[in-house]
């Protein structure tokens, strides 16, 4: 199964994360199938590759709880339902 989850980057106590598509059994910082975005919790900066995320979600990828909250704030799930209805 493919998961959309966070991959940790940065120094100690200054973490930032990349949103990646990866096999569910792979380790947290393992090699991703695709990098789909960036999240910095200290500044709440979020950059997303929305078309890539929508494509992965339509293929059946499951987001983790944290990634799901980030995507809900960016209204990505509305775009998934809009493209699948067309």
Protein backbone atom coordinates (compact mmCIF):
# COMPACT_ATOMS: atom_id res chain seq x y z
CA UNK A 1 0.00 0.00 0.00
CA UNK A 2 1.18 3.53 -0.77
CA UNK A 3 1.09 6.11 2.04
CA UNK A 4 1.37 9.88 1.95
CA UNK A 5 3.47 10.77 4.97
CA UNK A 6 6.10 13.14 6.33
CA UNK A 7 9.85 12.76 5.91
CA UNK A 8 11.93 14.68 8.45
CA UNK A 9 14.61 17.19 7.44
CA UNK A 10 16.60 19.85 9.26
CA UNK A 11 18.68 20.29 12.38
CA UNK A 12 17.83 19.19 15.90
CA UNK A 13 14.87 21.16 17.25
CA UNK A 14 14.49 22.85 13.85
CA UNK A 15 12.71 20.13 11.95
CA UNK A 16 10.91 20.63 8.69
CA UNK A 17 9.22 17.94 6.66
CA UNK A 18 8.61 16.86 3.10
CA UNK A 19 5.33 15.24 2.15
CA UNK A 20 6.16 12.08 0.24
CA UNK A 21 4.50 9.05 -1.35
CA UNK A 22 6.17 5.88 -0.06
CA UNK A 23 5.41 2.20 0.50
CA UNK A 24 3.77 1.73 3.89
CA UNK A 25 6.39 -0.77 5.09
CA UNK A 26 9.39 1.45 4.26
CA UNK A 27 11.23 3.34 6.99
CA UNK A 28 10.32 6.95 7.78
CA UNK A 29 13.30 8.54 6.04
CA UNK A 30 13.61 5.92 3.31
CA UNK A 31 13.67 6.57 -0.41
CA UNK A 32 10.30 7.99 -1.52
CA UNK A 33 8.43 7.12 -4.68
CA UNK A 34 7.68 10.82 -5.15
CA UNK A 35 8.08 14.09 -3.21
CA UNK A 36 4.78 15.95 -3.19
CA UNK A 37 5.23 18.92 -0.90
CA UNK A 38 6.91 20.67 2.00
CA UNK A 39 5.73 21.50 5.54
CA UNK A 40 7.47 23.67 8.14
CA UNK A 41 5.65 23.49 11.50
CA UNK A 42 7.64 26.38 13.01
CA UNK A 43 6.40 28.92 10.44
CA UNK A 44 3.33 26.98 9.24
CA UNK A 45 4.69 27.22 5.69
CA UNK A 46 3.12 24.67 3.34
CA UNK A 47 3.97 24.10 -0.33
CA UNK A 48 2.06 21.36 -2.15
CA UNK A 49 2.20 19.73 -5.57
CA UNK A 50 -1.60 19.55 -5.72
CA UNK A 51 -1.91 17.74 -9.10
CA UNK A 52 0.57 15.09 -7.94
CA UNK A 53 -1.23 14.62 -4.62
CA UNK A 54 -4.62 14.36 -6.34
CA UNK A 55 -3.19 11.75 -8.73
CA UNK A 56 -1.80 9.66 -5.85
CA UNK A 57 -5.04 9.88 -3.85
CA UNK A 58 -7.05 8.73 -6.89
CA UNK A 59 -4.67 5.77 -7.23
CA UNK A 60 -5.54 4.75 -3.65
CA UNK A 61 -2.76 6.27 -1.55
CA UNK A 62 -3.68 6.69 2.13
CA UNK A 63 -2.53 9.86 3.96
CA UNK A 64 -1.42 9.69 7.59
CA UNK A 65 -3.44 11.69 10.13
CA UNK A 66 -1.03 14.65 10.09
CA UNK A 67 -0.83 14.78 6.30
CA UNK A 68 -4.63 14.48 6.12
CA UNK A 69 -4.99 17.62 8.31
CA UNK A 70 -2.51 19.53 6.14
CA UNK A 71 -4.39 18.52 2.97
CA UNK A 72 -7.78 19.41 4.50
CA UNK A 73 -6.52 22.92 5.30
CA UNK A 74 -5.43 23.29 1.68
CA UNK A 75 -8.81 21.95 0.38
CA UNK A 76 -7.11 19.18 -1.63
CA UNK A 77 -9.86 16.62 -0.95
CA UNK A 78 -12.42 18.87 -2.64
CA UNK A 79 -10.32 18.75 -5.81
CA UNK A 80 -10.10 14.95 -5.60
CA UNK A 81 -13.88 14.60 -5.44
CA UNK A 82 -14.36 17.21 -8.19
CA UNK A 83 -12.01 15.42 -10.62
CA UNK A 84 -13.41 11.98 -9.87
CA UNK A 85 -16.98 13.22 -10.46
CA UNK A 86 -16.08 14.53 -13.93
